[in-house]
Amino acid sequence: MAVIENPYLVAKPLDPMFSVGRKVRVVQAKISLNAGSANGDVVILAKGLPATARIHRIMLPKGTNALTGATISMGFYASGTNKVLDADAVVKSKSFATALANVDLVGDGVDDFDATKDIATLLGLNSGNVPAQGFDLCATIEAKGTATGDIELDICVEQD
């Protein structure tokens, strides 16, 4: 019989998330697309996240409708200033016509995404250049098309 360690624990042996667990908070968010929505609009999904937080999951709750033609990216902005840090660090160019097949959107379309990294590490920031008010997780509408309706999200954030 082989005994195989959790690969996340092997990658980050000092992070209790991968051995005994940490607090995971859920932020419920909604992206509403209507006649006034336009390409380039930014929707704040979670506000004031600390540098040490990690986006654990972005889940589409059961019953979410596909919005044909809508494409979004998700990434980070400096909280309070709306300065873009990386608009597609978490999800890149996701079509919501196909999103329902994935359930969890974290890292979708992002080639170098690492699920074990906290926000600051993911963005390559050190303590000297972390925004004072934290980070906002935002969705950017890349292509609205003719889509109208709501995209409900449950965002699981791991933090102390």
C-alpha atoms as a PDB file:
ATOM      1  CA  MET A   1       0.000   0.000   0.000  1.00  0.00           C
ATOM      2  CA  ALA A   2       1.353   3.404  -0.982  1.00  0.00           C
ATOM      3  CA  VAL A   3       0.884   6.446   1.247  1.00  0.00           C
ATOM      4  CA  ILE A   4       0.691   9.643  -0.768  1.00  0.00           C
ATOM      5  CA  GLU A   5       0.909  13.114   0.790  1.00  0.00           C
ATOM      6  CA  ASN A   6      -1.433  15.933  -0.172  1.00  0.00           C
ATOM      7  CA  PRO A   7       0.515  17.700  -2.971  1.00  0.00           C
ATOM      8  CA  TYR A   8      -0.533  21.107  -1.632  1.00  0.00           C
ATOM      9  CA  LEU A   9       0.973  20.226   1.756  1.00  0.00           C
ATOM     10  CA  VAL A  10       4.186  19.146   0.029  1.00  0.00           C
ATOM     11  CA  ALA A  11       4.298  22.490  -1.851  1.00  0.00           C
ATOM     12  CA  LYS A  12       3.487  24.595   1.242  1.00  0.00           C
ATOM     13  CA  PRO A  13       4.291  22.546   4.381  1.00  0.00           C
ATOM     14  CA  LEU A  14       3.961  25.533   6.733  1.00  0.00           C
ATOM     15  CA  ASP A  15       0.497  26.559   5.544  1.00  0.00           C
ATOM     16  CA  PRO A  16      -2.087  25.015   7.887  1.00  0.00           C
ATOM     17  CA  MET A  17      -4.711  25.198   5.105  1.00  0.00           C
ATOM     18  CA  PHE A  18      -3.237  22.033   3.673  1.00  0.00           C
ATOM     19  CA  SER A  19      -2.917  20.067   6.928  1.00  0.00           C
ATOM     20  CA  VAL A  20      -5.470  21.057   9.585  1.00  0.00           C
ATOM     21  CA  GLY A  21      -7.375  23.795   7.722  1.00  0.00           C
ATOM     22  CA  ARG A  22      -7.889  27.532   8.022  1.00  0.00           C
ATOM     23  CA  LYS A  23     -10.883  29.846   8.001  1.00  0.00           C
ATOM     24  CA  VAL A  24     -12.644  30.037   4.669  1.00  0.00           C
ATOM     25  CA  ARG A  25     -15.137  32.868   4.305  1.00  0.00           C
ATOM     26  CA  VAL A  26     -17.771  32.997   1.585  1.00  0.00           C
ATOM     27  CA  VAL A  27     -18.635  36.240  -0.179  1.00  0.00           C
ATOM     28  CA  GLN A  28     -21.839  36.147  -2.190  1.00  0.00           C
ATOM     29  CA  ALA A  29     -21.630  38.356  -5.266  1.00  0.00           C
ATOM     30  CA  LYS A  30     -23.621  39.081  -8.381  1.00  0.00           C
ATOM     31  CA  ILE A  31     -22.729  40.389 -11.811  1.00  0.00           C
ATOM     32  CA  SER A  32     -25.817  41.993 -13.353  1.00  0.00           C
ATOM     33  CA  LEU A  33     -25.833  42.515 -17.092  1.00  0.00           C
ATOM     34  CA  ASN A  34     -28.503  44.849 -18.452  1.00  0.00           C
ATOM     35  CA  ALA A  35     -29.051  47.285 -21.322  1.00  0.00           C
ATOM     36  CA  GLY A  36     -26.736  49.805 -19.631  1.00  0.00           C
ATOM     37  CA  SER A  37     -23.846  47.355 -19.212  1.00  0.00           C
ATOM     38  CA  ALA A  38     -20.891  47.805 -21.545  1.00  0.00           C
ATOM     39  CA  ASN A  39     -17.580  46.211 -22.446  1.00  0.00           C
ATOM     40  CA  GLY A  40     -14.934  47.379 -19.985  1.00  0.00           C
ATOM     41  CA  ASP A  41     -17.322  47.779 -17.032  1.00  0.00           C
ATOM     42  CA  VAL A  42     -15.794  46.615 -13.741  1.00  0.00           C
ATOM     43  CA  VAL A  43     -17.855  44.967 -10.992  1.00  0.00           C
ATOM     44  CA  ILE A  44     -16.366  44.763  -7.479  1.00  0.00           C
ATOM     45  CA  LEU A  45     -17.031  41.249  -6.151  1.00  0.00           C
ATOM     46  CA  ALA A  46     -15.106  41.244  -2.842  1.00  0.00           C
ATOM     47  CA  LYS A  47     -13.673  44.353  -1.217  1.00  0.00           C
ATOM     48  CA  GLY A  48     -10.712  45.058   1.075  1.00  0.00           C
ATOM     49  CA  LEU A  49      -9.061  41.628   0.942  1.00  0.00           C
ATOM     50  CA  PRO A  50      -5.751  41.438   2.849  1.00  0.00           C
ATOM     51  CA  ALA A  51      -2.495  40.585   1.062  1.00  0.00           C
ATOM     52  CA  THR A  52      -2.316  37.218   2.854  1.00  0.00           C
ATOM     53  CA  ALA A  53      -5.779  36.089   1.689  1.00  0.00           C
ATOM     54  CA  ARG A  54      -6.068  33.386  -0.943  1.00  0.00           C
ATOM     55  CA  ILE A  55      -8.918  33.016  -3.414  1.00  0.00           C
ATOM     56  CA  HIS A  56      -9.855  29.420  -2.686  1.00  0.00           C
ATOM     57  CA  ARG A  57     -12.837  28.913  -5.013  1.00  0.00           C
ATOM     58  CA  ILE A  58     -15.252  30.912  -7.169  1.00  0.00           C
ATOM     59  CA  MET A  59     -18.358  28.796  -7.394  1.00  0.00           C
ATOM     60  CA  LEU A  60     -21.421  29.084  -9.578  1.00  0.00           C
ATOM     61  CA  PRO A  61     -24.395  28.066  -7.431  1.00  0.00           C
ATOM     62  CA  LYS A  62     -26.823  25.476  -8.737  1.00  0.00           C
ATOM     63  CA  GLY A  63     -29.434  27.006 -10.992  1.00  0.00           C
ATOM     64  CA  THR A  64     -27.181  29.720 -12.434  1.00  0.00           C
ATOM     65  CA  ASN A  65     -28.215  30.511 -15.997  1.00  0.00           C
ATOM     66  CA  ALA A  66     -25.831  30.631 -18.926  1.00  0.00           C
ATOM     67  CA  LEU A  67     -25.550  34.113 -20.410  1.00  0.00           C
ATOM     68  CA  THR A  68     -24.819  33.613 -24.099  1.00  0.00           C
ATOM     69  CA  GLY A  69     -22.300  36.093 -25.442  1.00  0.00           C
ATOM     70  CA  ALA A  70     -21.013  37.369 -22.084  1.00  0.00           C
ATOM     71  CA  THR A  71     -17.277  37.018 -21.439  1.00  0.00           C
ATOM     72  CA  ILE A  72     -15.525  38.230 -18.284  1.00  0.00           C
ATOM     73  CA  SER A  73     -12.146  38.195 -16.561  1.00  0.00           C
ATOM     74  CA  MET A  74     -11.516  38.403 -12.811  1.00  0.00           C
ATOM     75  CA  GLY A  75      -8.545  39.943 -11.097  1.00  0.00           C
ATOM     76  CA  PHE A  76      -7.365  42.469  -8.557  1.00  0.00           C
ATOM     77  CA  TYR A  77      -7.600  46.217  -8.149  1.00  0.00           C
ATOM     78  CA  ALA A  78      -6.202  48.350  -5.315  1.00  0.00           C
ATOM     79  CA  SER A  79      -9.043  48.861  -2.852  1.00  0.00           C
ATOM     80  CA  GLY A  80     -10.206  52.448  -2.514  1.00  0.00           C
ATOM     81  CA  THR A  81      -8.327  53.695  -5.590  1.00  0.00           C
ATOM     82  CA  ASN A  82      -9.696  51.378  -8.302  1.00  0.00           C
ATOM     83  CA  LYS A  83      -6.163  51.114  -9.717  1.00  0.00           C
ATOM     84  CA  VAL A  84      -5.902  47.932 -11.766  1.00  0.00           C
ATOM     85  CA  LEU A  85      -3.162  45.584 -10.536  1.00  0.00           C
ATOM     86  CA  ASP A  86      -3.934  42.527 -12.669  1.00  0.00           C
ATOM     87  CA  ALA A  87      -7.408  42.387 -14.225  1.00  0.00           C
ATOM     88  CA  ASP A  88      -7.186  38.710 -15.211  1.00  0.00           C
ATOM     89  CA  ALA A  89      -5.063  37.163 -12.436  1.00  0.00           C
ATOM     90  CA  VAL A  90      -7.804  34.747 -11.345  1.00  0.00           C
ATOM     91  CA  VAL A  91     -10.029  34.128 -14.407  1.00  0.00           C
ATOM     92  CA  LYS A  92      -9.205  35.060 -17.989  1.00  0.00           C
ATOM     93  CA  SER A  93     -11.769  35.538 -20.751  1.00  0.00           C
ATOM     94  CA  LYS A  94     -14.436  33.183 -19.403  1.00  0.00           C
ATOM     95  CA  SER A  95     -17.537  32.724 -21.497  1.00  0.00           C
ATOM     96  CA  PHE A  96     -20.567  32.255 -19.280  1.00  0.00           C
ATOM     97  CA  ALA A  97     -22.284  30.201 -21.945  1.00  0.00           C
ATOM     98  CA  THR A  98     -19.821  27.413 -21.035  1.00  0.00           C
ATOM     99  CA  ALA A  99     -19.044  28.334 -17.412  1.00  0.00           C
ATOM    100  CA  LEU A 100     -21.689  26.057 -15.947  1.00  0.00           C
ATOM    101  CA  ALA A 101     -19.711  22.987 -16.974  1.00  0.00           C
ATOM    102  CA  ASN A 102     -16.807  24.056 -14.714  1.00  0.00           C
ATOM    103  CA  VAL A 103     -18.547  24.935 -11.419  1.00  0.00           C
ATOM    104  CA  ASP A 104     -15.279  26.352  -9.949  1.00  0.00           C
ATOM    105  CA  LEU A 105     -13.790  29.213 -11.968  1.00  0.00           C
ATOM    106  CA  VAL A 106     -10.526  29.855 -10.054  1.00  0.00           C
ATOM    107  CA  GLY A 107      -7.557  29.784 -12.404  1.00  0.00           C
ATOM    108  CA  ASP A 108      -9.699  29.263 -15.503  1.00  0.00           C
ATOM    109  CA  GLY A 109      -7.754  30.398 -18.580  1.00  0.00           C
ATOM    110  CA  VAL A 110      -4.773  31.665 -16.525  1.00  0.00           C
ATOM    111  CA  ASP A 111      -1.690  29.697 -17.593  1.00  0.00           C
ATOM    112  CA  ASP A 112       0.538  30.575 -14.633  1.00  0.00           C
ATOM    113  CA  PHE A 113      -2.127  30.487 -11.890  1.00  0.00           C
ATOM    114  CA  ASP A 114      -0.952  28.834  -8.652  1.00  0.00           C
ATOM    115  CA  ALA A 115      -3.758  27.883  -6.257  1.00  0.00           C
ATOM    116  CA  THR A 116      -1.369  27.803  -3.286  1.00  0.00           C
ATOM    117  CA  LYS A 117      -0.359  31.487  -3.530  1.00  0.00           C
ATOM    118  CA  ASP A 118      -1.868  34.317  -1.521  1.00  0.00           C
ATOM    119  CA  ILE A 119      -2.896  37.524  -3.306  1.00  0.00           C
ATOM    120  CA  ALA A 120       0.384  39.436  -2.785  1.00  0.00           C
ATOM    121  CA  THR A 121       2.500  36.487  -3.954  1.00  0.00           C
ATOM    122  CA  LEU A 122       0.206  35.852  -6.912  1.00  0.00           C
ATOM    123  CA  LEU A 123       0.678  39.473  -7.992  1.00  0.00           C
ATOM    124  CA  GLY A 124       4.429  39.485  -7.264  1.00  0.00           C
ATOM    125  CA  LEU A 125       4.139  42.208  -4.615  1.00  0.00           C
ATOM    126  CA  ASN A 126       6.218  42.623  -1.481  1.00  0.00           C
ATOM    127  CA  SER A 127       5.188  44.341   1.743  1.00  0.00           C
ATOM    128  CA  GLY A 128       6.427  47.723   0.445  1.00  0.00           C
ATOM    129  CA  ASN A 129       4.020  47.882  -2.484  1.00  0.00           C
ATOM    130  CA  VAL A 130       0.845  46.312  -1.090  1.00  0.00           C
ATOM    131  CA  PRO A 131      -2.117  48.740  -1.240  1.00  0.00           C
ATOM    132  CA  ALA A 132      -2.865  50.192   2.204  1.00  0.00           C
ATOM    133  CA  GLN A 133      -6.590  49.405   1.981  1.00  0.00           C
ATOM    134  CA  GLY A 134      -6.066  45.903   0.562  1.00  0.00           C
ATOM    135  CA  PHE A 135      -7.319  44.395  -2.649  1.00  0.00           C
ATOM    136  CA  ASP A 136     -10.647  44.230  -4.438  1.00  0.00           C
ATOM    137  CA  LEU A 137     -11.491  41.125  -6.450  1.00  0.00           C
ATOM    138  CA  CYS A 138     -13.233  42.483  -9.543  1.00  0.00           C
ATOM    139  CA  ALA A 139     -14.870  41.163 -12.682  1.00  0.00           C
ATOM    140  CA  THR A 140     -14.263  43.009 -15.940  1.00  0.00           C
ATOM    141  CA  ILE A 141     -16.841  42.609 -18.678  1.00  0.00           C
ATOM    142  CA  GLU A 142     -14.807  41.886 -21.796  1.00  0.00           C
ATOM    143  CA  ALA A 143     -17.700  41.177 -24.125  1.00  0.00           C
ATOM    144  CA  LYS A 144     -21.272  41.842 -23.099  1.00  0.00           C
ATOM    145  CA  GLY A 145     -22.861  40.916 -26.414  1.00  0.00           C
ATOM    146  CA  THR A 146     -26.629  40.845 -26.140  1.00  0.00           C
ATOM    147  CA  ALA A 147     -26.602  39.053 -22.788  1.00  0.00           C
ATOM    148  CA  THR A 148     -28.854  40.275 -20.001  1.00  0.00           C
ATOM    149  CA  GLY A 149     -29.368  38.722 -16.598  1.00  0.00           C
ATOM    150  CA  ASP A 150     -27.448  37.915 -13.437  1.00  0.00           C
ATOM    151  CA  ILE A 151     -24.428  35.756 -12.711  1.00  0.00           C
ATOM    152  CA  GLU A 152     -24.493  34.662  -9.057  1.00  0.00           C
ATOM    153  CA  LEU A 153     -21.154  33.729  -7.479  1.00  0.00           C
ATOM    154  CA  ASP A 154     -19.978  32.286  -4.165  1.00  0.00           C
ATOM    155  CA  ILE A 155     -16.382  33.427  -3.634  1.00  0.00           C
ATOM    156  CA  CYS A 156     -14.482  31.387  -1.044  1.00  0.00           C
ATOM    157  CA  VAL A 157     -11.646  33.387   0.514  1.00  0.00           C
ATOM    158  CA  GLU A 158      -9.127  31.793   2.845  1.00  0.00           C
ATOM    159  CA  GLN A 159      -7.660  34.198   5.388  1.00  0.00           C
ATOM    160  CA  ASP A 160      -6.576  34.401   8.999  1.00  0.00           C
END
